[in-house]
Every structure is written in structure tokens, then in C-alpha cells.
Amino acid sequence: MTKIKMNSTKPIFPLLGAVLITIVLVWPSSAFTEIKYAPGQYEIDSVHTRVSFIVPHFVISVVEGRFNDVKGDFTLGEPFSASKANVTVQIESIDTGVKMRDDDLRSKNFFEVSKYPTMTFVAKAFRGTPDSCKVVGDLTIKDVTKEVTFDGKYTGVVNDPWGNQRVAVQLTGVINRRDFHINYSELIDIGPGIGDEVTIRIFADGIMKKKGK
């Protein structure tokens, strides 16, 4: 049997490390998202926007869900405090991964979609800086409109492969569902089956509007 003799005794790992460092150094900077403030008017990209929620369940656990139909627009102002936002969510699009539970959430027990098909949020004030702000606005669910505050963060701007200028923002906040007449209650031995506090998370992509639109 012929044995293969290695021609070099140099360790291979340092060589691989040098190759990786070289790749990083020469990689074009345009391949990465640029964290630069980009004022302008943006339309929400529904395909890449997520409005999700987390609700305590049986005291020790949680149920997560999302809404799949989200539309609206927002303006990144100059100055930042002049920013605006207007979001509409179709409640029918609620999705927790379980059809029976989703149907119940659409019923009179919870959202009563047949009577109140949408949820809206209209921002009234942006306080702080783009990378750390408070967004104050009116949240409407069912027949209630209530002022709420979200913690916000602008995460950058990039030009996508189709020639669009695209930005992204994140919002997180907590509401009490009973404030919006979602009062369904189920008691079990260890406490409430469903908690009152709901954590809302919004990850929104926006595409800059074309002039004249």
C-alpha cells in the first residue's frame, strides 16, 4: 500500500485563519446594513413586518402569536421628534399556530372580529434619539382608544437588490388587555388561565415612497 507523504508540516488552522481575515478585509462595505439615520416617508413592507404578542398562560407559561396582515406608513422626521406613524392590523389575520385557538380569539370571547375587524396605532410623539426612543400614540382595539408608549429603536438603512431604500424599526411595549374590553377570564387551581398583561413587539421594514405617490 502506497503511503501519501505530506509536503508541508505547517499547521493548517493558522492558514485558514489568515484566509478568513483576508476575506473580511476585502469584503465590500455595502454588504452590511448601514446604521445611518435616513429621514423620509416610508411605506410598511407587509411581507417583512411582524406584529407579534406574548400572553401569560396557566401562570407558568406563555402563548405567542402574530398578525399576518399589517399595513401602514411612517415618516422618519428631521428632526427625529417630527416623526410620524400610522399602522393598521387586520385582526382576522391572527395566527398562534392553532386554528381552534385562533377562531376563539376572533370570537366574542376576545376580539369580536365581526364587529371590530381592525386594530390601529397612530403615533403622536417620538422622544429621544433614533437608536433609543419612546414612541407615544393612540392604540385602538375594539371600541377603545387608549394612549400607550412603546420603547423604540431605529436599526438602519440599506439599498435592497430592487433599488429601494429600505429602513427598519423595532417597537416593544406592554398593555393590559382588559383596558381594551378583552375581558375573557378562566380560573384554574393555580390562578388565571390567561394573564392580563400582553407584550407587543413590532419589527417593521419600510420602503421609501417614490415621489408623486
Protein backbone atom coordinates (compact mmCIF):
# COMPACT_ATOMS: atom_id res chain seq x y z
CA MET A 1 0.00 0.00 0.00
CA THR A 2 1.45 3.37 -1.04
CA LYS A 3 1.63 5.97 1.72
CA ILE A 4 0.99 9.60 0.89
CA LYS A 5 3.57 11.94 2.33
CA MET A 6 2.63 15.48 3.20
CA ASN A 7 4.94 18.07 1.65
CA SER A 8 4.40 20.64 4.41
CA THR A 9 4.49 20.42 8.16
CA LYS A 10 2.89 23.84 8.70
CA PRO A 11 -0.33 23.75 10.74
CA ILE A 12 -3.43 24.24 8.61
CA PHE A 13 -5.50 26.22 11.15
CA PRO A 14 -3.35 29.38 11.13
CA LEU A 15 -3.52 29.31 7.34
CA LEU A 16 -7.34 29.09 7.39
CA GLY A 17 -7.46 31.96 9.89
CA ALA A 18 -5.39 34.15 7.59
CA VAL A 19 -7.70 33.37 4.66
CA LEU A 20 -10.81 34.31 6.69
CA ILE A 21 -9.25 37.59 7.85
CA THR A 22 -8.38 38.44 4.24
CA ILE A 23 -11.97 37.79 3.12
CA VAL A 24 -13.37 40.07 5.83
CA LEU A 25 -10.94 42.86 4.99
CA VAL A 26 -11.73 42.86 1.29
CA TRP A 27 -15.49 42.27 1.60
CA PRO A 28 -17.35 45.35 0.27
CA SER A 29 -18.82 47.56 2.98
CA SER A 30 -22.10 47.70 1.00
CA ALA A 31 -22.72 44.08 2.04
CA PHE A 32 -23.60 45.24 5.54
CA THR A 33 -26.53 47.31 6.77
CA GLU A 34 -25.53 50.91 7.34
CA ILE A 35 -26.55 52.32 10.72
CA LYS A 36 -27.23 55.82 9.43
CA TYR A 37 -30.34 57.89 10.03
CA ALA A 38 -32.35 58.26 6.81
CA PRO A 39 -35.23 60.77 7.07
CA GLY A 40 -38.10 60.31 4.67
CA GLN A 41 -41.55 58.84 4.09
CA TYR A 42 -41.78 55.04 4.10
CA GLU A 43 -44.47 52.51 3.31
CA ILE A 44 -44.56 49.44 5.52
CA ASP A 45 -43.38 46.31 3.73
CA SER A 46 -46.03 43.85 4.95
CA VAL A 47 -44.06 40.81 3.84
CA HIS A 48 -41.12 41.71 6.09
CA THR A 49 -43.02 43.23 9.00
CA ARG A 50 -44.05 41.33 12.10
CA VAL A 51 -46.54 42.38 14.79
CA SER A 52 -46.42 39.74 17.49
CA PHE A 53 -47.63 39.30 21.07
CA ILE A 54 -46.91 37.24 24.16
CA VAL A 55 -49.59 36.44 26.77
CA PRO A 56 -49.10 34.57 30.07
CA HIS A 57 -50.80 31.16 30.05
CA PHE A 58 -51.56 28.96 33.05
CA VAL A 59 -49.34 31.25 35.17
CA ILE A 60 -46.11 29.38 34.42
CA SER A 61 -46.07 29.59 30.63
CA VAL A 62 -46.91 31.85 27.68
CA VAL A 63 -48.72 31.78 24.34
CA GLU A 64 -47.13 33.56 21.39
CA GLY A 65 -48.91 34.81 18.31
CA ARG A 66 -48.71 37.24 15.44
CA PHE A 67 -50.84 39.15 12.94
CA ASN A 68 -50.04 38.38 9.31
CA ASP A 69 -51.80 41.34 7.66
CA VAL A 70 -50.17 44.65 8.63
CA LYS A 71 -50.29 47.84 6.56
CA GLY A 72 -49.43 51.48 7.04
CA ASP A 73 -46.68 54.04 6.71
CA PHE A 74 -44.30 56.10 8.78
CA THR A 75 -42.16 59.18 8.43
CA LEU A 76 -38.68 59.49 9.87
CA GLY A 77 -38.60 63.20 10.58
CA GLU A 78 -35.87 65.80 10.56
CA PRO A 79 -35.60 66.45 13.45
CA PHE A 80 -36.40 62.96 14.73
CA SER A 81 -39.10 64.35 17.06
CA ALA A 82 -41.14 65.25 13.94
CA SER A 83 -41.54 61.56 13.04
CA LYS A 84 -44.98 60.02 12.45
CA ALA A 85 -46.51 56.56 12.10
CA ASN A 86 -49.86 55.06 11.18
CA VAL A 87 -50.41 51.29 11.34
CA THR A 88 -53.50 49.15 10.64
CA VAL A 89 -53.71 45.47 11.57
CA GLN A 90 -56.39 43.09 10.29
CA ILE A 91 -57.46 41.08 13.35
CA GLU A 92 -58.71 38.26 11.12
CA SER A 93 -55.05 37.51 10.31
CA ILE A 94 -54.24 36.46 13.89
CA ASP A 95 -52.03 33.38 13.99
CA THR A 96 -50.99 31.43 17.07
CA GLY A 97 -50.33 28.20 15.20
CA VAL A 98 -53.55 26.54 16.43
CA LYS A 99 -56.70 27.04 14.33
CA MET A 100 -59.16 26.32 17.16
CA ARG A 101 -57.48 28.90 19.39
CA ASP A 102 -57.30 31.45 16.55
CA ASP A 103 -61.03 31.04 15.89
CA ASP A 104 -61.73 31.59 19.58
CA LEU A 105 -59.60 34.75 19.59
CA ARG A 106 -61.65 36.06 16.66
CA SER A 107 -64.91 35.38 18.52
CA LYS A 108 -66.89 37.47 21.02
CA ASN A 109 -64.77 35.97 23.78
CA PHE A 110 -61.86 38.15 22.68
CA PHE A 111 -61.55 40.46 19.65
CA GLU A 112 -65.06 40.07 18.16
CA VAL A 113 -63.72 40.41 14.63
CA SER A 114 -67.17 40.52 13.01
CA LYS A 115 -67.78 43.86 14.74
CA TYR A 116 -64.22 45.20 15.15
CA PRO A 117 -62.14 43.95 12.20
CA THR A 118 -59.07 46.14 12.67
CA MET A 119 -56.62 47.36 15.28
CA THR A 120 -54.82 50.67 14.69
CA PHE A 121 -51.89 52.59 16.12
CA VAL A 122 -51.29 56.27 15.39
CA ALA A 123 -48.04 57.69 16.79
CA LYS A 124 -48.27 61.18 18.29
CA ALA A 125 -44.79 61.78 19.70
CA PHE A 126 -41.25 60.49 19.27
CA ARG A 127 -38.98 61.25 22.22
CA GLY A 128 -35.28 60.53 22.48
CA THR A 129 -32.92 59.52 19.72
CA PRO A 130 -33.37 57.13 16.75
CA ASP A 131 -31.36 54.39 18.45
CA SER A 132 -33.26 54.70 21.76
CA CYS A 133 -36.64 56.39 21.91
CA LYS A 134 -40.14 56.39 23.33
CA VAL A 135 -42.98 56.34 20.84
CA VAL A 136 -46.29 57.63 22.23
CA GLY A 137 -49.51 57.05 20.33
CA ASP A 138 -53.16 56.07 20.29
CA LEU A 139 -53.86 52.34 20.18
CA THR A 140 -57.39 51.35 19.16
CA ILE A 141 -58.66 47.85 19.85
CA LYS A 142 -62.38 47.10 19.63
CA ASP A 143 -64.28 50.18 20.86
CA VAL A 144 -61.44 51.61 22.96
CA THR A 145 -58.72 54.10 22.05
CA LYS A 146 -56.01 54.46 24.66
CA GLU A 147 -52.65 56.23 24.74
CA VAL A 148 -49.75 53.79 25.02
CA THR A 149 -45.97 54.09 24.97
CA PHE A 150 -43.56 51.81 23.16
CA ASP A 151 -39.80 51.57 23.52
CA GLY A 152 -38.41 52.15 20.04
CA LYS A 153 -35.23 51.64 18.08
CA TYR A 154 -34.22 52.52 14.53
CA THR A 155 -31.90 49.80 13.22
CA GLY A 156 -30.54 51.14 9.94
CA VAL A 157 -30.88 51.76 6.23
CA VAL A 158 -29.89 49.71 3.19
CA ASN A 159 -30.46 49.69 -0.57
CA ASP A 160 -32.13 46.40 -1.49
CA PRO A 161 -31.48 44.42 -4.72
CA TRP A 162 -34.51 46.06 -6.41
CA GLY A 163 -33.22 49.61 -5.98
CA ASN A 164 -35.39 50.54 -3.00
CA GLN A 165 -34.14 52.44 0.03
CA ARG A 166 -35.23 50.34 2.99
CA VAL A 167 -35.16 51.12 6.72
CA ALA A 168 -36.13 49.09 9.77
CA VAL A 169 -37.53 49.95 13.20
CA GLN A 170 -38.43 47.98 16.30
CA LEU A 171 -41.06 48.73 18.96
CA THR A 172 -41.82 46.91 22.21
CA GLY A 173 -44.49 47.65 24.79
CA VAL A 174 -46.88 46.17 27.35
CA ILE A 175 -50.62 46.72 27.55
CA ASN A 176 -53.42 45.40 29.76
CA ARG A 177 -55.95 43.57 27.60
CA ARG A 178 -58.82 44.48 29.94
CA ASP A 179 -58.25 48.17 29.15
CA PHE A 180 -59.50 47.30 25.65
CA HIS A 181 -62.55 45.29 26.71
CA ILE A 182 -60.91 41.92 26.18
CA ASN A 183 -62.16 40.54 29.48
CA TYR A 184 -62.38 36.78 28.99
CA SER A 185 -61.37 35.06 32.23
CA GLU A 186 -60.76 31.45 33.12
CA LEU A 187 -59.63 30.48 36.60
CA ILE A 188 -57.72 27.30 37.33
CA ASP A 189 -56.35 25.92 40.58
CA ILE A 190 -53.08 27.84 40.30
CA GLY A 191 -54.56 31.15 39.14
CA PRO A 192 -55.80 32.78 35.90
CA GLY A 193 -55.67 30.68 32.75
CA ILE A 194 -54.85 33.78 30.72
CA GLY A 195 -52.84 36.74 32.00
CA ASP A 196 -53.90 40.35 31.63
CA GLU A 197 -50.58 41.86 30.56
CA VAL A 198 -49.76 41.47 26.86
CA THR A 199 -46.31 42.17 25.47
CA ILE A 200 -46.40 43.58 21.94
CA ARG A 201 -43.40 43.50 19.61
CA ILE A 202 -43.25 45.22 16.23
CA PHE A 203 -40.43 44.63 13.75
CA ALA A 204 -41.17 46.83 10.74
CA ASP A 205 -39.45 47.22 7.38
CA GLY A 206 -40.24 50.37 5.44
CA ILE A 207 -39.62 51.14 1.77
CA MET A 208 -39.11 54.78 0.84
CA LYS A 209 -42.09 56.15 -1.08
CA LYS A 210 -41.49 57.22 -4.66
CA LYS A 211 -42.08 60.88 -5.45
CA GLY A 212 -45.63 61.52 -6.57
CA LYS A 213 -47.05 58.55 -4.67
